[in-house]
Amino acid sequence: MEIALRLPVELIEKADILAKLEYKNRAEIIKSALKEYIGRIENTEELKERATELYLADKLKYNELVIIIGRQNAESVKASKRILDRGNKIAEDIARS
């Protein structure tokens, strides 16, 4: 898959210099930096909590949640969401009565 993005000139210049020093091309440097960033944050509890909160608020899709917290944990969150949604619906029905 390909993407196009705009980067500040100074960032591109540094990437190009690193590419020369490491005998790589610019794309390899950017891909390596992105992999390192993702690897550093993907297993943090804060990220997992944020993903769960966004899923519960219907701002993150289930398959995206699976990628961040794993299928087993996502199934637990999905089940909890169903229970919470049912509870909210019951509360709304009672309030209308």
PDB file of N, CA and C in Angstrom:
ATOM      1  N   MET A   1       0.846  -1.167   0.000  1.00  0.00           N
ATOM      2  CA  MET A   1       0.000   0.000   0.000  1.00  0.00           C
ATOM      3  C   MET A   1       0.894   1.234   0.000  1.00  0.00           C
ATOM      4  N   GLU A   2       0.512   2.216  -0.744  1.00  0.00           N
ATOM      5  CA  GLU A   2       1.283   3.451  -0.816  1.00  0.00           C
ATOM      6  C   GLU A   2       0.499   4.588  -0.194  1.00  0.00           C
ATOM      7  N   ILE A   3       1.250   5.539   0.404  1.00  0.00           N
ATOM      8  CA  ILE A   3       0.634   6.748   0.926  1.00  0.00           C
ATOM      9  C   ILE A   3       1.445   7.943   0.459  1.00  0.00           C
ATOM     10  N   ALA A   4       0.807   9.089   0.431  1.00  0.00           N
ATOM     11  CA  ALA A   4       1.505  10.334   0.123  1.00  0.00           C
ATOM     12  C   ALA A   4       1.328  11.241   1.330  1.00  0.00           C
ATOM     13  N   LEU A   5       2.398  11.903   1.730  1.00  0.00           N
ATOM     14  CA  LEU A   5       2.283  12.807   2.854  1.00  0.00           C
ATOM     15  C   LEU A   5       3.233  13.972   2.689  1.00  0.00           C
ATOM     16  N   ARG A   6       2.888  15.055   3.355  1.00  0.00           N
ATOM     17  CA  ARG A   6       3.736  16.247   3.328  1.00  0.00           C
ATOM     18  C   ARG A   6       4.511  16.297   4.637  1.00  0.00           C
ATOM     19  N   LEU A   7       5.797  16.561   4.528  1.00  0.00           N
ATOM     20  CA  LEU A   7       6.662  16.665   5.699  1.00  0.00           C
ATOM     21  C   LEU A   7       7.421  17.979   5.639  1.00  0.00           C
ATOM     22  N   PRO A   8       7.807  18.514   6.781  1.00  0.00           N
ATOM     23  CA  PRO A   8       8.621  19.729   6.779  1.00  0.00           C
ATOM     24  C   PRO A   8       9.952  19.474   6.065  1.00  0.00           C
ATOM     25  N   VAL A   9      10.435  20.494   5.367  1.00  0.00           N
ATOM     26  CA  VAL A   9      11.665  20.380   4.582  1.00  0.00           C
ATOM     27  C   VAL A   9      12.824  19.895   5.443  1.00  0.00           C
ATOM     28  N   GLU A  10      12.955  20.439   6.655  1.00  0.00           N
ATOM     29  CA  GLU A  10      14.090  20.058   7.506  1.00  0.00           C
ATOM     30  C   GLU A  10      14.037  18.581   7.898  1.00  0.00           C
ATOM     31  N   LEU A  11      12.846  18.041   8.044  1.00  0.00           N
ATOM     32  CA  LEU A  11      12.705  16.625   8.364  1.00  0.00           C
ATOM     33  C   LEU A  11      13.124  15.759   7.171  1.00  0.00           C
ATOM     34  N   ILE A  12      12.728  16.162   5.983  1.00  0.00           N
ATOM     35  CA  ILE A  12      13.115  15.437   4.768  1.00  0.00           C
ATOM     36  C   ILE A  12      14.632  15.503   4.574  1.00  0.00           C
ATOM     37  N   GLU A  13      15.207  16.682   4.807  1.00  0.00           N
ATOM     38  CA  GLU A  13      16.657  16.829   4.656  1.00  0.00           C
ATOM     39  C   GLU A  13      17.403  15.899   5.618  1.00  0.00           C
ATOM     40  N   LYS A  14      16.942  15.825   6.877  1.00  0.00           N
ATOM     41  CA  LYS A  14      17.585  14.939   7.847  1.00  0.00           C
ATOM     42  C   LYS A  14      17.414  13.476   7.444  1.00  0.00           C
ATOM     43  N   ALA A  15      16.233  13.134   6.948  1.00  0.00           N
ATOM     44  CA  ALA A  15      15.993  11.759   6.495  1.00  0.00           C
ATOM     45  C   ALA A  15      16.916  11.417   5.338  1.00  0.00           C
ATOM     46  N   ASP A  16      17.103  12.357   4.427  1.00  0.00           N
ATOM     47  CA  ASP A  16      17.986  12.117   3.285  1.00  0.00           C
ATOM     48  C   ASP A  16      19.442  11.928   3.726  1.00  0.00           C
ATOM     49  N   ILE A  17      19.878  12.711   4.693  1.00  0.00           N
ATOM     50  CA  ILE A  17      21.246  12.570   5.200  1.00  0.00           C
ATOM     51  C   ILE A  17      21.411  11.217   5.886  1.00  0.00           C
ATOM     52  N   LEU A  18      20.429  10.851   6.725  1.00  0.00           N
ATOM     53  CA  LEU A  18      20.483   9.534   7.372  1.00  0.00           C
ATOM     54  C   LEU A  18      20.482   8.409   6.343  1.00  0.00           C
ATOM     55  N   ALA A  19      19.703   8.583   5.300  1.00  0.00           N
ATOM     56  CA  ALA A  19      19.648   7.563   4.250  1.00  0.00           C
ATOM     57  C   ALA A  19      21.035   7.367   3.631  1.00  0.00           C
ATOM     58  N   LYS A  20      21.726   8.458   3.357  1.00  0.00           N
ATOM     59  CA  LYS A  20      23.086   8.351   2.806  1.00  0.00           C
ATOM     60  C   LYS A  20      24.014   7.630   3.779  1.00  0.00           C
ATOM     61  N   LEU A  21      23.938   8.028   5.046  1.00  0.00           N
ATOM     62  CA  LEU A  21      24.834   7.457   6.052  1.00  0.00           C
ATOM     63  C   LEU A  21      24.571   5.971   6.283  1.00  0.00           C
ATOM     64  N   GLU A  22      23.328   5.556   6.110  1.00  0.00           N
ATOM     65  CA  GLU A  22      22.939   4.164   6.371  1.00  0.00           C
ATOM     66  C   GLU A  22      22.812   3.336   5.095  1.00  0.00           C
ATOM     67  N   TYR A  23      23.160   3.931   3.955  1.00  0.00           N
ATOM     68  CA  TYR A  23      23.061   3.251   2.661  1.00  0.00           C
ATOM     69  C   TYR A  23      21.632   2.742   2.406  1.00  0.00           C
ATOM     70  N   LYS A  24      20.679   3.607   2.696  1.00  0.00           N
ATOM     71  CA  LYS A  24      19.263   3.298   2.474  1.00  0.00           C
ATOM     72  C   LYS A  24      18.657   4.426   1.655  1.00  0.00           C
ATOM     73  N   ASN A  25      17.379   4.263   1.306  1.00  0.00           N
ATOM     74  CA  ASN A  25      16.701   5.369   0.650  1.00  0.00           C
ATOM     75  C   ASN A  25      15.763   6.053   1.643  1.00  0.00           C
ATOM     76  N   ARG A  26      15.214   7.182   1.244  1.00  0.00           N
ATOM     77  CA  ARG A  26      14.348   7.969   2.119  1.00  0.00           C
ATOM     78  C   ARG A  26      13.168   7.142   2.628  1.00  0.00           C
ATOM     79  N   ALA A  27      12.540   6.385   1.755  1.00  0.00           N
ATOM     80  CA  ALA A  27      11.373   5.580   2.146  1.00  0.00           C
ATOM     81  C   ALA A  27      11.734   4.571   3.235  1.00  0.00           C
ATOM     82  N   GLU A  28      12.905   3.962   3.125  1.00  0.00           N
ATOM     83  CA  GLU A  28      13.333   2.995   4.142  1.00  0.00           C
ATOM     84  C   GLU A  28      13.536   3.677   5.499  1.00  0.00           C
ATOM     85  N   ILE A  29      14.076   4.884   5.488  1.00  0.00           N
ATOM     86  CA  ILE A  29      14.287   5.632   6.733  1.00  0.00           C
ATOM     87  C   ILE A  29      12.947   5.980   7.364  1.00  0.00           C
ATOM     88  N   ILE A  30      12.008   6.459   6.571  1.00  0.00           N
ATOM     89  CA  ILE A  30      10.689   6.834   7.091  1.00  0.00           C
ATOM     90  C   ILE A  30       9.949   5.598   7.602  1.00  0.00           C
ATOM     91  N   LYS A  31      10.011   4.500   6.856  1.00  0.00           N
ATOM     92  CA  LYS A  31       9.354   3.260   7.287  1.00  0.00           C
ATOM     93  C   LYS A  31       9.956   2.763   8.594  1.00  0.00           C
ATOM     94  N   SER A  32      11.265   2.821   8.714  1.00  0.00           N
ATOM     95  CA  SER A  32      11.950   2.385   9.930  1.00  0.00           C
ATOM     96  C   SER A  32      11.540   3.253  11.124  1.00  0.00           C
ATOM     97  N   ALA A  33      11.456   4.553  10.915  1.00  0.00           N
ATOM     98  CA  ALA A  33      11.068   5.468  11.992  1.00  0.00           C
ATOM     99  C   ALA A  33       9.632   5.205  12.440  1.00  0.00           C
ATOM    100  N   LEU A  34       8.750   4.954  11.495  1.00  0.00           N
ATOM    101  CA  LEU A  34       7.351   4.678  11.824  1.00  0.00           C
ATOM    102  C   LEU A  34       7.215   3.355  12.575  1.00  0.00           C
ATOM    103  N   LYS A  35       7.945   2.336  12.128  1.00  0.00           N
ATOM    104  CA  LYS A  35       7.919   1.046  12.824  1.00  0.00           C
ATOM    105  C   LYS A  35       8.410   1.192  14.257  1.00  0.00           C
ATOM    106  N   GLU A  36       9.486   1.950  14.447  1.00  0.00           N
ATOM    107  CA  GLU A  36      10.030   2.161  15.788  1.00  0.00           C
ATOM    108  C   GLU A  36       9.016   2.885  16.670  1.00  0.00           C
ATOM    109  N   TYR A  37       8.378   3.922  16.144  1.00  0.00           N
ATOM    110  CA  TYR A  37       7.375   4.670  16.898  1.00  0.00           C
ATOM    111  C   TYR A  37       6.209   3.769  17.295  1.00  0.00           C
ATOM    112  N   ILE A  38       5.679   3.019  16.351  1.00  0.00           N
ATOM    113  CA  ILE A  38       4.553   2.123  16.634  1.00  0.00           C
ATOM    114  C   ILE A  38       4.964   1.073  17.656  1.00  0.00           C
ATOM    115  N   GLY A  39       6.134   0.500  17.489  1.00  0.00           N
ATOM    116  CA  GLY A  39       6.619  -0.504  18.428  1.00  0.00           C
ATOM    117  C   GLY A  39       6.766   0.032  19.841  1.00  0.00           C
ATOM    118  N   ARG A  40       7.134   1.294  19.951  1.00  0.00           N
ATOM    119  CA  ARG A  40       7.332   1.904  21.257  1.00  0.00           C
ATOM    120  C   ARG A  40       6.011   2.161  21.984  1.00  0.00           C
ATOM    121  N   ILE A  41       4.965   2.520  21.253  1.00  0.00           N
ATOM    122  CA  ILE A  41       3.717   2.883  21.936  1.00  0.00           C
ATOM    123  C   ILE A  41       2.624   1.830  21.890  1.00  0.00           C
ATOM    124  N   GLU A  42       2.720   0.844  20.989  1.00  0.00           N
ATOM    125  CA  GLU A  42       1.585  -0.051  20.792  1.00  0.00           C
ATOM    126  C   GLU A  42       1.265  -0.932  21.986  1.00  0.00           C
ATOM    127  N   ASN A  43       2.196  -1.184  22.849  1.00  0.00           N
ATOM    128  CA  ASN A  43       1.930  -2.047  24.001  1.00  0.00           C
ATOM    129  C   ASN A  43       1.755  -1.284  25.308  1.00  0.00           C
ATOM    130  N   THR A  44       1.589   0.029  25.221  1.00  0.00           N
ATOM    131  CA  THR A  44       1.401   0.806  26.441  1.00  0.00           C
ATOM    132  C   THR A  44      -0.046   0.695  26.910  1.00  0.00           C
ATOM    133  N   GLU A  45      -0.217   0.662  28.197  1.00  0.00           N
ATOM    134  CA  GLU A  45      -1.567   0.568  28.776  1.00  0.00           C
ATOM    135  C   GLU A  45      -2.396   1.792  28.421  1.00  0.00           C
ATOM    136  N   GLU A  46      -1.758   2.952  28.368  1.00  0.00           N
ATOM    137  CA  GLU A  46      -2.477   4.182  28.045  1.00  0.00           C
ATOM    138  C   GLU A  46      -3.133   4.085  26.663  1.00  0.00           C
ATOM    139  N   LEU A  47      -2.398   3.552  25.701  1.00  0.00           N
ATOM    140  CA  LEU A  47      -2.945   3.417  24.351  1.00  0.00           C
ATOM    141  C   LEU A  47      -4.105   2.430  24.338  1.00  0.00           C
ATOM    142  N   LYS A  48      -3.961   1.329  25.061  1.00  0.00           N
ATOM    143  CA  LYS A  48      -5.029   0.323  25.120  1.00  0.00           C
ATOM    144  C   LYS A  48      -6.280   0.900  25.781  1.00  0.00           C
ATOM    145  N   GLU A  49      -6.086   1.674  26.838  1.00  0.00           N
ATOM    146  CA  GLU A  49      -7.220   2.303  27.512  1.00  0.00           C
ATOM    147  C   GLU A  49      -7.922   3.299  26.598  1.00  0.00           C
ATOM    148  N   ARG A  50      -7.134   4.087  25.879  1.00  0.00           N
ATOM    149  CA  ARG A  50      -7.710   5.073  24.957  1.00  0.00           C
ATOM    150  C   ARG A  50      -8.487   4.378  23.851  1.00  0.00           C
ATOM    151  N   ALA A  51      -7.935   3.281  23.331  1.00  0.00           N
ATOM    152  CA  ALA A  51      -8.628   2.524  22.282  1.00  0.00           C
ATOM    153  C   ALA A  51      -9.954   1.976  22.806  1.00  0.00           C
ATOM    154  N   THR A  52      -9.943   1.454  24.024  1.00  0.00           N
ATOM    155  CA  THR A  52     -11.165   0.919  24.625  1.00  0.00           C
ATOM    156  C   THR A  52     -12.197   2.022  24.809  1.00  0.00           C
ATOM    157  N   GLU A  53     -11.769   3.178  25.307  1.00  0.00           N
ATOM    158  CA  GLU A  53     -12.684   4.308  25.492  1.00  0.00           C
ATOM    159  C   GLU A  53     -13.299   4.747  24.170  1.00  0.00           C
ATOM    160  N   LEU A  54     -12.483   4.824  23.130  1.00  0.00           N
ATOM    161  CA  LEU A  54     -12.998   5.242  21.824  1.00  0.00           C
ATOM    162  C   LEU A  54     -13.966   4.212  21.252  1.00  0.00           C
ATOM    163  N   TYR A  55     -13.692   2.937  21.470  1.00  0.00           N
ATOM    164  CA  TYR A  55     -14.610   1.894  21.004  1.00  0.00           C
ATOM    165  C   TYR A  55     -15.947   2.003  21.737  1.00  0.00           C
ATOM    166  N   LEU A  56     -15.890   2.178  23.048  1.00  0.00           N
ATOM    167  CA  LEU A  56     -17.121   2.289  23.830  1.00  0.00           C
ATOM    168  C   LEU A  56     -17.929   3.524  23.442  1.00  0.00           C
ATOM    169  N   ALA A  57     -17.246   4.559  22.961  1.00  0.00           N
ATOM    170  CA  ALA A  57     -17.914   5.789  22.517  1.00  0.00           C
ATOM    171  C   ALA A  57     -18.271   5.741  21.031  1.00  0.00           C
ATOM    172  N   ASP A  58     -18.156   4.559  20.410  1.00  0.00           N
ATOM    173  CA  ASP A  58     -18.456   4.363  18.990  1.00  0.00           C
ATOM    174  C   ASP A  58     -17.590   5.224  18.064  1.00  0.00           C
ATOM    175  N   LYS A  59     -16.342   5.468  18.465  1.00  0.00           N
ATOM    176  CA  LYS A  59     -15.422   6.253  17.641  1.00  0.00           C
ATOM    177  C   LYS A  59     -14.275   5.409  17.090  1.00  0.00           C
ATOM    178  N   LEU A  60     -14.294   4.107  17.403  1.00  0.00           N
ATOM    179  CA  LEU A  60     -13.283   3.177  16.912  1.00  0.00           C
ATOM    180  C   LEU A  60     -14.014   1.892  16.545  1.00  0.00           C
ATOM    181  N   LYS A  61     -13.705   1.337  15.400  1.00  0.00           N
ATOM    182  CA  LYS A  61     -14.351   0.104  14.941  1.00  0.00           C
ATOM    183  C   LYS A  61     -13.788  -1.100  15.704  1.00  0.00           C
ATOM    184  N   TYR A  62     -14.584  -2.153  15.748  1.00  0.00           N
ATOM    185  CA  TYR A  62     -14.178  -3.370  16.462  1.00  0.00           C
ATOM    186  C   TYR A  62     -12.862  -3.919  15.909  1.00  0.00           C
ATOM    187  N   ASN A  63     -12.736  -4.004  14.577  1.00  0.00           N
ATOM    188  CA  ASN A  63     -11.505  -4.565  14.004  1.00  0.00           C
ATOM    189  C   ASN A  63     -10.280  -3.698  14.317  1.00  0.00           C
ATOM    190  N   GLU A  64     -10.479  -2.403  14.501  1.00  0.00           N
ATOM    191  CA  GLU A  64      -9.373  -1.527  14.906  1.00  0.00           C
ATOM    192  C   GLU A  64      -9.002  -1.797  16.367  1.00  0.00           C
ATOM    193  N   LEU A  65     -10.014  -2.034  17.199  1.00  0.00           N
ATOM    194  CA  LEU A  65      -9.770  -2.369  18.601  1.00  0.00           C
ATOM    195  C   LEU A  65      -8.966  -3.656  18.719  1.00  0.00           C
ATOM    196  N   VAL A  66      -9.310  -4.645  17.899  1.00  0.00           N
ATOM    197  CA  VAL A  66      -8.594  -5.932  17.901  1.00  0.00           C
ATOM    198  C   VAL A  66      -7.109  -5.722  17.627  1.00  0.00           C
ATOM    199  N   ILE A  67      -6.798  -4.861  16.692  1.00  0.00           N
ATOM    200  CA  ILE A  67      -5.401  -4.600  16.333  1.00  0.00           C
ATOM    201  C   ILE A  67      -4.632  -4.031  17.521  1.00  0.00           C
ATOM    202  N   ILE A  68      -5.276  -3.200  18.306  1.00  0.00           N
ATOM    203  CA  ILE A  68      -4.590  -2.537  19.416  1.00  0.00           C
ATOM    204  C   ILE A  68      -4.534  -3.395  20.678  1.00  0.00           C
ATOM    205  N   ILE A  69      -5.651  -4.067  21.035  1.00  0.00           N
ATOM    206  CA  ILE A  69      -5.662  -4.780  22.325  1.00  0.00           C
ATOM    207  C   ILE A  69      -5.727  -6.298  22.196  1.00  0.00           C
ATOM    208  N   GLY A  70      -5.830  -6.808  20.984  1.00  0.00           N
ATOM    209  CA  GLY A  70      -5.892  -8.255  20.789  1.00  0.00           C
ATOM    210  C   GLY A  70      -7.334  -8.753  20.777  1.00  0.00           C
ATOM    211  N   ARG A  71      -7.549  -9.868  20.084  1.00  0.00           N
ATOM    212  CA  ARG A  71      -8.904 -10.385  19.884  1.00  0.00           C
ATOM    213  C   ARG A  71      -9.593 -10.765  21.191  1.00  0.00           C
ATOM    214  N   GLN A  72      -8.896 -11.462  22.076  1.00  0.00           N
ATOM    215  CA  GLN A  72      -9.523 -11.920  23.315  1.00  0.00           C
ATOM    216  C   GLN A  72      -9.980 -10.737  24.176  1.00  0.00           C
ATOM    217  N   ASN A  73      -9.120  -9.754  24.346  1.00  0.00           N
ATOM    218  CA  ASN A  73      -9.505  -8.569  25.121  1.00  0.00           C
ATOM    219  C   ASN A  73     -10.606  -7.792  24.423  1.00  0.00           C
ATOM    220  N   ALA A  74     -10.551  -7.709  23.102  1.00  0.00           N
ATOM    221  CA  ALA A  74     -11.581  -6.984  22.352  1.00  0.00           C
ATOM    222  C   ALA A  74     -12.940  -7.667  22.495  1.00  0.00           C
ATOM    223  N   GLU A  75     -12.944  -8.989  22.526  1.00  0.00           N
ATOM    224  CA  GLU A  75     -14.209  -9.718  22.730  1.00  0.00           C
ATOM    225  C   GLU A  75     -14.810  -9.377  24.089  1.00  0.00           C
ATOM    226  N   SER A  76     -13.975  -9.278  25.110  1.00  0.00           N
ATOM    227  CA  SER A  76     -14.452  -8.912  26.450  1.00  0.00           C
ATOM    228  C   SER A  76     -15.037  -7.504  26.451  1.00  0.00           C
ATOM    229  N   VAL A  77     -14.349  -6.585  25.795  1.00  0.00           N
ATOM    230  CA  VAL A  77     -14.836  -5.202  25.726  1.00  0.00           C
ATOM    231  C   VAL A  77     -16.149  -5.149  24.942  1.00  0.00           C
ATOM    232  N   LYS A  78     -16.216  -5.905  23.851  1.00  0.00           N
ATOM    233  CA  LYS A  78     -17.432  -5.944  23.035  1.00  0.00           C
ATOM    234  C   LYS A  78     -18.615  -6.454  23.862  1.00  0.00           C
ATOM    235  N   ALA A  79     -18.406  -7.500  24.642  1.00  0.00           N
ATOM    236  CA  ALA A  79     -19.468  -8.048  25.490  1.00  0.00           C
ATOM    237  C   ALA A  79     -19.888  -7.019  26.542  1.00  0.00           C
ATOM    238  N   SER A  80     -18.925  -6.352  27.136  1.00  0.00           N
ATOM    239  CA  SER A  80     -19.230  -5.315  28.124  1.00  0.00           C
ATOM    240  C   SER A  80     -20.020  -4.173  27.504  1.00  0.00           C
ATOM    241  N   LYS A  81     -19.652  -3.818  26.281  1.00  0.00           N
ATOM    242  CA  LYS A  81     -20.361  -2.734  25.578  1.00  0.00           C
ATOM    243  C   LYS A  81     -21.817  -3.117  25.339  1.00  0.00           C
ATOM    244  N   ARG A  82     -22.048  -4.356  24.950  1.00  0.00           N
ATOM    245  CA  ARG A  82     -23.434  -4.808  24.746  1.00  0.00           C
ATOM    246  C   ARG A  82     -24.242  -4.682  26.030  1.00  0.00           C
ATOM    247  N   ILE A  83     -23.653  -5.084  27.143  1.00  0.00           N
ATOM    248  CA  ILE A  83     -24.341  -4.999  28.438  1.00  0.00           C
ATOM    249  C   ILE A  83     -24.619  -3.535  28.785  1.00  0.00           C
ATOM    250  N   LEU A  84     -23.616  -2.672  28.608  1.00  0.00           N
ATOM    251  CA  LEU A  84     -23.795  -1.249  28.895  1.00  0.00           C
ATOM    252  C   LEU A  84     -24.867  -0.632  28.002  1.00  0.00           C
ATOM    253  N   ASP A  85     -24.848  -0.980  26.719  1.00  0.00           N
ATOM    254  CA  ASP A  85     -25.846  -0.447  25.788  1.00  0.00           C
ATOM    255  C   ASP A  85     -27.250  -0.881  26.180  1.00  0.00           C
ATOM    256  N   ARG A  86     -27.398  -2.155  26.575  1.00  0.00           N
ATOM    257  CA  ARG A  86     -28.711  -2.644  27.024  1.00  0.00           C
ATOM    258  C   ARG A  86     -29.171  -1.900  28.271  1.00  0.00           C
ATOM    259  N   GLY A  87     -28.246  -1.704  29.206  1.00  0.00           N
ATOM    260  CA  GLY A  87     -28.569  -0.971  30.431  1.00  0.00           C
ATOM    261  C   GLY A  87     -28.995   0.457  30.148  1.00  0.00           C
ATOM    262  N   ASN A  88     -28.298   1.099  29.221  1.00  0.00           N
ATOM    263  CA  ASN A  88     -28.653   2.474  28.841  1.00  0.00           C
ATOM    264  C   ASN A  88     -30.024   2.528  28.190  1.00  0.00           C
ATOM    265  N   LYS A  89     -30.331   1.547  27.358  1.00  0.00           N
ATOM    266  CA  LYS A  89     -31.638   1.509  26.694  1.00  0.00           C
ATOM    267  C   LYS A  89     -32.746   1.307  27.724  1.00  0.00           C
ATOM    268  N   ILE A  90     -32.525   0.423  28.671  1.00  0.00           N
ATOM    269  CA  ILE A  90     -33.516   0.187  29.732  1.00  0.00           C
ATOM    270  C   ILE A  90     -33.712   1.480  30.526  1.00  0.00           C
ATOM    271  N   ALA A  91     -32.642   2.164  30.869  1.00  0.00           N
ATOM    272  CA  ALA A  91     -32.741   3.416  31.634  1.00  0.00           C
ATOM    273  C   ALA A  91     -33.519   4.454  30.840  1.00  0.00           C
ATOM    274  N   GLU A  92     -33.275   4.551  29.532  1.00  0.00           N
ATOM    275  CA  GLU A  92     -34.012   5.503  28.689  1.00  0.00           C
ATOM    276  C   GLU A  92     -35.488   5.150  28.636  1.00  0.00           C
ATOM    277  N   ASP A  93     -35.801   3.855  28.518  1.00  0.00           N
ATOM    278  CA  ASP A  93     -37.201   3.428  28.477  1.00  0.00           C
ATOM    279  C   ASP A  93     -37.924   3.754  29.794  1.00  0.00           C
ATOM    280  N   ILE A  94     -37.227   3.556  30.879  1.00  0.00           N
ATOM    281  CA  ILE A  94     -37.813   3.867  32.199  1.00  0.00           C
ATOM    282  C   ILE A  94     -38.033   5.380  32.337  1.00  0.00           C
ATOM    283  N   ALA A  95     -37.073   6.157  31.879  1.00  0.00           N
ATOM    284  CA  ALA A  95     -37.180   7.619  31.964  1.00  0.00           C
ATOM    285  C   ALA A  95     -38.351   8.137  31.138  1.00  0.00           C
ATOM    286  N   ARG A  96     -38.634   7.494  30.021  1.00  0.00           N
ATOM    287  CA  ARG A  96     -39.752   7.907  29.160  1.00  0.00           C
ATOM    288  C   ARG A  96     -41.107   7.522  29.742  1.00  0.00           C
ATOM    289  N   SER A  97     -41.126   6.521  30.610  1.00  0.00           N
ATOM    290  CA  SER A  97     -42.395   6.014  31.160  1.00  0.00           C
ATOM    291  C   SER A  97     -42.991   6.932  32.192  1.00  0.00           C
TER     292      SER A  97
END
